[in-house]
Amino acid sequence: MKSNKRRQKMANIKSAIKRAELNKVANERNAQQKSAMRTLIKKFEAAPTEELYRAASSSIDKAASKGLIHANKASRDKARLAAKLG
């Protein structure tokens, strides 16, 4: 694990402390969802099947609807997957 030598600043205001904690939780959740999306895409690229295409496409749509990736990137990724499906 990488050590963080930089000191992080801590908020003094109660609402700012709460916001920082919520941002940390949201960041972890977003990272998990993006990682899961990338994993499905890699699985599809390794062995393109209709079932994996549907799963990857659904994952991309969910990420776009939640703002994890831009809508245009979602469209581009899905088009590339569809082209590989044949």
PDB file of N, CA and C in Angstrom:
ATOM      1  N   MET A   1       0.824  -1.165   0.000  1.00  0.00           N
ATOM      2  CA  MET A   1       0.000   0.000   0.000  1.00  0.00           C
ATOM      3  C   MET A   1       0.883   1.248   0.000  1.00  0.00           C
ATOM      4  N   LYS A   2       0.479   2.244  -0.733  1.00  0.00           N
ATOM      5  CA  LYS A   2       1.252   3.467  -0.862  1.00  0.00           C
ATOM      6  C   LYS A   2       1.023   4.363   0.357  1.00  0.00           C
ATOM      7  N   SER A   3       2.090   4.887   0.923  1.00  0.00           N
ATOM      8  CA  SER A   3       1.931   5.771   2.075  1.00  0.00           C
ATOM      9  C   SER A   3       1.727   7.196   1.585  1.00  0.00           C
ATOM     10  N   ASN A   4       0.864   7.885   2.271  1.00  0.00           N
ATOM     11  CA  ASN A   4       0.564   9.262   1.916  1.00  0.00           C
ATOM     12  C   ASN A   4       1.355  10.175   2.840  1.00  0.00           C
ATOM     13  N   LYS A   5       2.450  10.721   2.351  1.00  0.00           N
ATOM     14  CA  LYS A   5       3.308  11.560   3.177  1.00  0.00           C
ATOM     15  C   LYS A   5       2.769  12.982   3.280  1.00  0.00           C
ATOM     16  N   ARG A   6       1.913  13.345   2.342  1.00  0.00           N
ATOM     17  CA  ARG A   6       1.340  14.680   2.357  1.00  0.00           C
ATOM     18  C   ARG A   6       0.277  14.783   3.439  1.00  0.00           C
ATOM     19  N   ARG A   7       0.329  15.833   4.220  1.00  0.00           N
ATOM     20  CA  ARG A   7      -0.687  16.015   5.251  1.00  0.00           C
ATOM     21  C   ARG A   7      -1.962  16.519   4.621  1.00  0.00           C
ATOM     22  N   GLN A   8      -3.056  15.896   4.956  1.00  0.00           N
ATOM     23  CA  GLN A   8      -4.330  16.350   4.427  1.00  0.00           C
ATOM     24  C   GLN A   8      -4.940  17.359   5.383  1.00  0.00           C
ATOM     25  N   LYS A   9      -5.560  18.366   4.828  1.00  0.00           N
ATOM     26  CA  LYS A   9      -6.199  19.384   5.638  1.00  0.00           C
ATOM     27  C   LYS A   9      -7.532  18.858   6.143  1.00  0.00           C
ATOM     28  N   MET A  10      -7.896  19.283   7.311  1.00  0.00           N
ATOM     29  CA  MET A  10      -9.162  18.862   7.893  1.00  0.00           C
ATOM     30  C   MET A  10     -10.018  20.094   8.118  1.00  0.00           C
ATOM     31  N   ALA A  11     -11.276  19.977   7.757  1.00  0.00           N
ATOM     32  CA  ALA A  11     -12.196  21.094   7.909  1.00  0.00           C
ATOM     33  C   ALA A  11     -12.511  21.327   9.386  1.00  0.00           C
ATOM     34  N   ASN A  12     -12.875  22.554   9.707  1.00  0.00           N
ATOM     35  CA  ASN A  12     -13.261  22.896  11.073  1.00  0.00           C
ATOM     36  C   ASN A  12     -14.771  22.953  11.239  1.00  0.00           C
ATOM     37  N   ILE A  13     -15.458  23.312  10.184  1.00  0.00           N
ATOM     38  CA  ILE A  13     -16.910  23.465  10.245  1.00  0.00           C
ATOM     39  C   ILE A  13     -17.567  22.093  10.159  1.00  0.00           C
ATOM     40  N   LYS A  14     -18.586  21.904  10.992  1.00  0.00           N
ATOM     41  CA  LYS A  14     -19.237  20.599  11.106  1.00  0.00           C
ATOM     42  C   LYS A  14     -19.790  20.110   9.765  1.00  0.00           C
ATOM     43  N   SER A  15     -20.448  20.991   9.030  1.00  0.00           N
ATOM     44  CA  SER A  15     -21.035  20.586   7.752  1.00  0.00           C
ATOM     45  C   SER A  15     -19.953  20.239   6.729  1.00  0.00           C
ATOM     46  N   ALA A  16     -18.820  20.929   6.804  1.00  0.00           N
ATOM     47  CA  ALA A  16     -17.716  20.650   5.879  1.00  0.00           C
ATOM     48  C   ALA A  16     -17.065  19.312   6.205  1.00  0.00           C
ATOM     49  N   ILE A  17     -16.989  18.983   7.498  1.00  0.00           N
ATOM     50  CA  ILE A  17     -16.450  17.683   7.908  1.00  0.00           C
ATOM     51  C   ILE A  17     -17.345  16.572   7.378  1.00  0.00           C
ATOM     52  N   LYS A  18     -18.660  16.763   7.527  1.00  0.00           N
ATOM     53  CA  LYS A  18     -19.625  15.767   7.054  1.00  0.00           C
ATOM     54  C   LYS A  18     -19.531  15.622   5.535  1.00  0.00           C
ATOM     55  N   ARG A  19     -19.403  16.741   4.852  1.00  0.00           N
ATOM     56  CA  ARG A  19     -19.325  16.721   3.389  1.00  0.00           C
ATOM     57  C   ARG A  19     -18.072  15.976   2.934  1.00  0.00           C
ATOM     58  N   ALA A  20     -16.966  16.192   3.628  1.00  0.00           N
ATOM     59  CA  ALA A  20     -15.720  15.517   3.275  1.00  0.00           C
ATOM     60  C   ALA A  20     -15.871  14.009   3.436  1.00  0.00           C
ATOM     61  N   GLU A  21     -16.529  13.589   4.497  1.00  0.00           N
ATOM     62  CA  GLU A  21     -16.750  12.154   4.727  1.00  0.00           C
ATOM     63  C   GLU A  21     -17.667  11.565   3.653  1.00  0.00           C
ATOM     64  N   LEU A  22     -18.733  12.287   3.307  1.00  0.00           N
ATOM     65  CA  LEU A  22     -19.649  11.814   2.264  1.00  0.00           C
ATOM     66  C   LEU A  22     -18.947  11.732   0.914  1.00  0.00           C
ATOM     67  N   ASN A  23     -18.082  12.702   0.626  1.00  0.00           N
ATOM     68  CA  ASN A  23     -17.328  12.678  -0.630  1.00  0.00           C
ATOM     69  C   ASN A  23     -16.409  11.472  -0.693  1.00  0.00           C
ATOM     70  N   LYS A  24     -15.797  11.142   0.439  1.00  0.00           N
ATOM     71  CA  LYS A  24     -14.905   9.984   0.500  1.00  0.00           C
ATOM     72  C   LYS A  24     -15.679   8.695   0.221  1.00  0.00           C
ATOM     73  N   VAL A  25     -16.855   8.561   0.830  1.00  0.00           N
ATOM     74  CA  VAL A  25     -17.692   7.375   0.628  1.00  0.00           C
ATOM     75  C   VAL A  25     -18.142   7.286  -0.825  1.00  0.00           C
ATOM     76  N   ALA A  26     -18.582   8.416  -1.384  1.00  0.00           N
ATOM     77  CA  ALA A  26     -19.045   8.437  -2.772  1.00  0.00           C
ATOM     78  C   ALA A  26     -17.909   8.104  -3.724  1.00  0.00           C
ATOM     79  N   ASN A  27     -16.714   8.594  -3.436  1.00  0.00           N
ATOM     80  CA  ASN A  27     -15.555   8.327  -4.281  1.00  0.00           C
ATOM     81  C   ASN A  27     -15.243   6.834  -4.315  1.00  0.00           C
ATOM     82  N   GLU A  28     -15.321   6.184  -3.160  1.00  0.00           N
ATOM     83  CA  GLU A  28     -15.073   4.740  -3.099  1.00  0.00           C
ATOM     84  C   GLU A  28     -16.141   3.969  -3.873  1.00  0.00           C
ATOM     85  N   ARG A  29     -17.400   4.379  -3.714  1.00  0.00           N
ATOM     86  CA  ARG A  29     -18.495   3.707  -4.411  1.00  0.00           C
ATOM     87  C   ARG A  29     -18.353   3.877  -5.924  1.00  0.00           C
ATOM     88  N   ASN A  30     -18.033   5.097  -6.357  1.00  0.00           N
ATOM     89  CA  ASN A  30     -17.864   5.357  -7.788  1.00  0.00           C
ATOM     90  C   ASN A  30     -16.705   4.549  -8.357  1.00  0.00           C
ATOM     91  N   ALA A  31     -15.630   4.444  -7.600  1.00  0.00           N
ATOM     92  CA  ALA A  31     -14.470   3.683  -8.063  1.00  0.00           C
ATOM     93  C   ALA A  31     -14.827   2.215  -8.240  1.00  0.00           C
ATOM     94  N   GLN A  32     -15.612   1.668  -7.325  1.00  0.00           N
ATOM     95  CA  GLN A  32     -16.029   0.268  -7.430  1.00  0.00           C
ATOM     96  C   GLN A  32     -16.889   0.051  -8.669  1.00  0.00           C
ATOM     97  N   GLN A  33     -17.827   0.976  -8.911  1.00  0.00           N
ATOM     98  CA  GLN A  33     -18.722   0.823 -10.057  1.00  0.00           C
ATOM     99  C   GLN A  33     -17.971   0.958 -11.374  1.00  0.00           C
ATOM    100  N   LYS A  34     -17.033   1.886 -11.445  1.00  0.00           N
ATOM    101  CA  LYS A  34     -16.244   2.035 -12.671  1.00  0.00           C
ATOM    102  C   LYS A  34     -15.358   0.818 -12.894  1.00  0.00           C
ATOM    103  N   SER A  35     -14.807   0.283 -11.814  1.00  0.00           N
ATOM    104  CA  SER A  35     -13.961  -0.903 -11.919  1.00  0.00           C
ATOM    105  C   SER A  35     -14.774  -2.093 -12.419  1.00  0.00           C
ATOM    106  N   ALA A  36     -15.981  -2.254 -11.893  1.00  0.00           N
ATOM    107  CA  ALA A  36     -16.846  -3.351 -12.325  1.00  0.00           C
ATOM    108  C   ALA A  36     -17.192  -3.209 -13.806  1.00  0.00           C
ATOM    109  N   MET A  37     -17.442  -1.972 -14.243  1.00  0.00           N
ATOM    110  CA  MET A  37     -17.744  -1.718 -15.648  1.00  0.00           C
ATOM    111  C   MET A  37     -16.550  -2.102 -16.524  1.00  0.00           C
ATOM    112  N   ARG A  38     -15.353  -1.679 -16.123  1.00  0.00           N
ATOM    113  CA  ARG A  38     -14.153  -1.990 -16.904  1.00  0.00           C
ATOM    114  C   ARG A  38     -13.907  -3.497 -16.962  1.00  0.00           C
ATOM    115  N   THR A  39     -14.168  -4.183 -15.858  1.00  0.00           N
ATOM    116  CA  THR A  39     -13.978  -5.632 -15.810  1.00  0.00           C
ATOM    117  C   THR A  39     -14.906  -6.326 -16.797  1.00  0.00           C
ATOM    118  N   LEU A  40     -16.177  -5.905 -16.843  1.00  0.00           N
ATOM    119  CA  LEU A  40     -17.122  -6.505 -17.788  1.00  0.00           C
ATOM    120  C   LEU A  40     -16.690  -6.248 -19.232  1.00  0.00           C
ATOM    121  N   ILE A  41     -16.188  -5.059 -19.498  1.00  0.00           N
ATOM    122  CA  ILE A  41     -15.730  -4.736 -20.852  1.00  0.00           C
ATOM    123  C   ILE A  41     -14.554  -5.633 -21.230  1.00  0.00           C
ATOM    124  N   LYS A  42     -13.613  -5.827 -20.298  1.00  0.00           N
ATOM    125  CA  LYS A  42     -12.451  -6.675 -20.574  1.00  0.00           C
ATOM    126  C   LYS A  42     -12.864  -8.127 -20.787  1.00  0.00           C
ATOM    127  N   LYS A  43     -13.840  -8.597 -20.009  1.00  0.00           N
ATOM    128  CA  LYS A  43     -14.327  -9.968 -20.187  1.00  0.00           C
ATOM    129  C   LYS A  43     -14.935 -10.135 -21.573  1.00  0.00           C
ATOM    130  N   PHE A  44     -15.711  -9.121 -22.009  1.00  0.00           N
ATOM    131  CA  PHE A  44     -16.322  -9.185 -23.334  1.00  0.00           C
ATOM    132  C   PHE A  44     -15.252  -9.193 -24.418  1.00  0.00           C
ATOM    133  N   GLU A  45     -14.247  -8.342 -24.267  1.00  0.00           N
ATOM    134  CA  GLU A  45     -13.201  -8.258 -25.288  1.00  0.00           C
ATOM    135  C   GLU A  45     -12.394  -9.548 -25.376  1.00  0.00           C
ATOM    136  N   ALA A  46     -12.269 -10.258 -24.258  1.00  0.00           N
ATOM    137  CA  ALA A  46     -11.532 -11.520 -24.261  1.00  0.00           C
ATOM    138  C   ALA A  46     -12.312 -12.608 -24.989  1.00  0.00           C
ATOM    139  N   ALA A  47     -13.633 -12.622 -24.796  1.00  0.00           N
ATOM    140  CA  ALA A  47     -14.478 -13.642 -25.424  1.00  0.00           C
ATOM    141  C   ALA A  47     -15.830 -13.022 -25.763  1.00  0.00           C
ATOM    142  N   PRO A  48     -15.944 -12.383 -26.940  1.00  0.00           N
ATOM    143  CA  PRO A  48     -17.183 -11.686 -27.298  1.00  0.00           C
ATOM    144  C   PRO A  48     -18.377 -12.634 -27.471  1.00  0.00           C
ATOM    145  N   THR A  49     -19.344 -12.510 -26.579  1.00  0.00           N
ATOM    146  CA  THR A  49     -20.596 -13.254 -26.694  1.00  0.00           C
ATOM    147  C   THR A  49     -21.744 -12.277 -26.492  1.00  0.00           C
ATOM    148  N   GLU A  50     -22.916 -12.682 -26.937  1.00  0.00           N
ATOM    149  CA  GLU A  50     -24.106 -11.840 -26.803  1.00  0.00           C
ATOM    150  C   GLU A  50     -24.410 -11.548 -25.330  1.00  0.00           C
ATOM    151  N   GLU A  51     -24.261 -12.563 -24.498  1.00  0.00           N
ATOM    152  CA  GLU A  51     -24.561 -12.405 -23.071  1.00  0.00           C
ATOM    153  C   GLU A  51     -23.617 -11.389 -22.413  1.00  0.00           C
ATOM    154  N   LEU A  52     -22.323 -11.507 -22.698  1.00  0.00           N
ATOM    155  CA  LEU A  52     -21.358 -10.561 -22.134  1.00  0.00           C
ATOM    156  C   LEU A  52     -21.556  -9.160 -22.712  1.00  0.00           C
ATOM    157  N   TYR A  53     -21.985  -9.088 -23.975  1.00  0.00           N
ATOM    158  CA  TYR A  53     -22.259  -7.785 -24.579  1.00  0.00           C
ATOM    159  C   TYR A  53     -23.390  -7.084 -23.838  1.00  0.00           C
ATOM    160  N   ARG A  54     -24.457  -7.831 -23.555  1.00  0.00           N
ATOM    161  CA  ARG A  54     -25.593  -7.237 -22.837  1.00  0.00           C
ATOM    162  C   ARG A  54     -25.175  -6.759 -21.447  1.00  0.00           C
ATOM    163  N   ALA A  55     -24.378  -7.570 -20.748  1.00  0.00           N
ATOM    164  CA  ALA A  55     -23.930  -7.202 -19.399  1.00  0.00           C
ATOM    165  C   ALA A  55     -23.048  -5.955 -19.438  1.00  0.00           C
ATOM    166  N   ALA A  56     -22.109  -5.919 -20.369  1.00  0.00           N
ATOM    167  CA  ALA A  56     -21.203  -4.774 -20.476  1.00  0.00           C
ATOM    168  C   ALA A  56     -21.964  -3.515 -20.886  1.00  0.00           C
ATOM    169  N   SER A  57     -22.879  -3.669 -21.832  1.00  0.00           N
ATOM    170  CA  SER A  57     -23.667  -2.541 -22.301  1.00  0.00           C
ATOM    171  C   SER A  57     -24.529  -1.969 -21.175  1.00  0.00           C
ATOM    172  N   SER A  58     -25.130  -2.850 -20.405  1.00  0.00           N
ATOM    173  CA  SER A  58     -25.950  -2.427 -19.271  1.00  0.00           C
ATOM    174  C   SER A  58     -25.105  -1.692 -18.238  1.00  0.00           C
ATOM    175  N   SER A  59     -23.932  -2.213 -17.977  1.00  0.00           N
ATOM    176  CA  SER A  59     -23.025  -1.592 -17.009  1.00  0.00           C
ATOM    177  C   SER A  59     -22.600  -0.200 -17.473  1.00  0.00           C
ATOM    178  N   ILE A  60     -22.335  -0.064 -18.760  1.00  0.00           N
ATOM    179  CA  ILE A  60     -21.954   1.235 -19.321  1.00  0.00           C
ATOM    180  C   ILE A  60     -23.111   2.224 -19.188  1.00  0.00           C
ATOM    181  N   ASP A  61     -24.329   1.772 -19.493  1.00  0.00           N
ATOM    182  CA  ASP A  61     -25.502   2.642 -19.377  1.00  0.00           C
ATOM    183  C   ASP A  61     -25.718   3.104 -17.939  1.00  0.00           C
ATOM    184  N   LYS A  62     -25.541   2.196 -16.992  1.00  0.00           N
ATOM    185  CA  LYS A  62     -25.713   2.553 -15.580  1.00  0.00           C
ATOM    186  C   LYS A  62     -24.678   3.587 -15.157  1.00  0.00           C
ATOM    187  N   ALA A  63     -23.441   3.401 -15.596  1.00  0.00           N
ATOM    188  CA  ALA A  63     -22.380   4.346 -15.244  1.00  0.00           C
ATOM    189  C   ALA A  63     -22.676   5.728 -15.829  1.00  0.00           C
ATOM    190  N   ALA A  64     -23.193   5.757 -17.048  1.00  0.00           N
ATOM    191  CA  ALA A  64     -23.507   7.034 -17.685  1.00  0.00           C
ATOM    192  C   ALA A  64     -24.682   7.713 -16.987  1.00  0.00           C
ATOM    193  N   SER A  65     -25.683   6.935 -16.593  1.00  0.00           N
ATOM    194  CA  SER A  65     -26.857   7.528 -15.953  1.00  0.00           C
ATOM    195  C   SER A  65     -26.522   8.098 -14.578  1.00  0.00           C
ATOM    196  N   LYS A  66     -25.501   7.543 -13.935  1.00  0.00           N
ATOM    197  CA  LYS A  66     -25.101   8.032 -12.614  1.00  0.00           C
ATOM    198  C   LYS A  66     -24.015   9.101 -12.693  1.00  0.00           C
ATOM    199  N   GLY A  67     -23.597   9.429 -13.909  1.00  0.00           N
ATOM    200  CA  GLY A  67     -22.609  10.486 -14.081  1.00  0.00           C
ATOM    201  C   GLY A  67     -21.172  10.044 -13.873  1.00  0.00           C
ATOM    202  N   LEU A  68     -20.932   8.743 -13.851  1.00  0.00           N
ATOM    203  CA  LEU A  68     -19.563   8.256 -13.672  1.00  0.00           C
ATOM    204  C   LEU A  68     -18.752   8.441 -14.941  1.00  0.00           C
ATOM    205  N   ILE A  69     -19.420   8.308 -16.087  1.00  0.00           N
ATOM    206  CA  ILE A  69     -18.778   8.568 -17.372  1.00  0.00           C
ATOM    207  C   ILE A  69     -19.712   9.454 -18.185  1.00  0.00           C
ATOM    208  N   HIS A  70     -19.165  10.166 -19.133  1.00  0.00           N
ATOM    209  CA  HIS A  70     -19.954  11.056 -19.977  1.00  0.00           C
ATOM    210  C   HIS A  70     -20.830  10.241 -20.925  1.00  0.00           C
ATOM    211  N   ALA A  71     -21.978  10.781 -21.281  1.00  0.00           N
ATOM    212  CA  ALA A  71     -22.915  10.084 -22.162  1.00  0.00           C
ATOM    213  C   ALA A  71     -22.282   9.763 -23.514  1.00  0.00           C
ATOM    214  N   ASN A  72     -21.457  10.676 -24.029  1.00  0.00           N
ATOM    215  CA  ASN A  72     -20.814  10.425 -25.319  1.00  0.00           C
ATOM    216  C   ASN A  72     -19.804   9.287 -25.226  1.00  0.00           C
ATOM    217  N   LYS A  73     -19.105   9.196 -24.100  1.00  0.00           N
ATOM    218  CA  LYS A  73     -18.158   8.094 -23.905  1.00  0.00           C
ATOM    219  C   LYS A  73     -18.916   6.776 -23.827  1.00  0.00           C
ATOM    220  N   ALA A  74     -20.061   6.787 -23.173  1.00  0.00           N
ATOM    221  CA  ALA A  74     -20.868   5.574 -23.076  1.00  0.00           C
ATOM    222  C   ALA A  74     -21.297   5.119 -24.468  1.00  0.00           C
ATOM    223  N   SER A  75     -21.751   6.060 -25.271  1.00  0.00           N
ATOM    224  CA  SER A  75     -22.183   5.744 -26.623  1.00  0.00           C
ATOM    225  C   SER A  75     -21.029   5.199 -27.458  1.00  0.00           C
ATOM    226  N   ARG A  76     -19.874   5.830 -27.333  1.00  0.00           N
ATOM    227  CA  ARG A  76     -18.691   5.402 -28.081  1.00  0.00           C
ATOM    228  C   ARG A  76     -18.253   3.997 -27.661  1.00  0.00           C
ATOM    229  N   ASP A  77     -18.228   3.750 -26.355  1.00  0.00           N
ATOM    230  CA  ASP A  77     -17.828   2.428 -25.859  1.00  0.00           C
ATOM    231  C   ASP A  77     -18.788   1.344 -26.332  1.00  0.00           C
ATOM    232  N   LYS A  78     -20.087   1.630 -26.273  1.00  0.00           N
ATOM    233  CA  LYS A  78     -21.076   0.635 -26.699  1.00  0.00           C
ATOM    234  C   LYS A  78     -20.964   0.358 -28.193  1.00  0.00           C
ATOM    235  N   ALA A  79     -20.684   1.392 -28.974  1.00  0.00           N
ATOM    236  CA  ALA A  79     -20.530   1.205 -30.418  1.00  0.00           C
ATOM    237  C   ALA A  79     -19.319   0.327 -30.722  1.00  0.00           C
ATOM    238  N   ARG A  80     -18.243   0.524 -29.980  1.00  0.00           N
ATOM    239  CA  ARG A  80     -17.042  -0.288 -30.190  1.00  0.00           C
ATOM    240  C   ARG A  80     -17.295  -1.743 -29.804  1.00  0.00           C
ATOM    241  N   LEU A  81     -18.039  -1.947 -28.716  1.00  0.00           N
ATOM    242  CA  LEU A  81     -18.366  -3.314 -28.311  1.00  0.00           C
ATOM    243  C   LEU A  81     -19.249  -3.982 -29.362  1.00  0.00           C
ATOM    244  N   ALA A  82     -20.231  -3.241 -29.870  1.00  0.00           N
ATOM    245  CA  ALA A  82     -21.138  -3.793 -30.874  1.00  0.00           C
ATOM    246  C   ALA A  82     -20.378  -4.172 -32.144  1.00  0.00           C
ATOM    247  N   ALA A  83     -19.389  -3.368 -32.506  1.00  0.00           N
ATOM    248  CA  ALA A  83     -18.592  -3.665 -33.697  1.00  0.00           C
ATOM    249  C   ALA A  83     -17.787  -4.947 -33.499  1.00  0.00           C
ATOM    250  N   LYS A  84     -17.293  -5.160 -32.279  1.00  0.00           N
ATOM    251  CA  LYS A  84     -16.531  -6.379 -32.004  1.00  0.00           C
ATOM    252  C   LYS A  84     -17.432  -7.604 -31.970  1.00  0.00           C
ATOM    253  N   LEU A  85     -18.697  -7.381 -31.603  1.00  0.00           N
ATOM    254  CA  LEU A  85     -19.647  -8.491 -31.566  1.00  0.00           C
ATOM    255  C   LEU A  85     -19.901  -8.996 -32.981  1.00  0.00           C
ATOM    256  N   GLY A  86     -19.874  -8.062 -33.912  1.00  0.00           N
ATOM    257  CA  GLY A  86     -19.921  -8.462 -35.303  1.00  0.00           C
ATOM    258  C   GLY A  86     -21.242  -8.293 -35.921  1.00  0.00           C
TER     259      GLY A  86
END
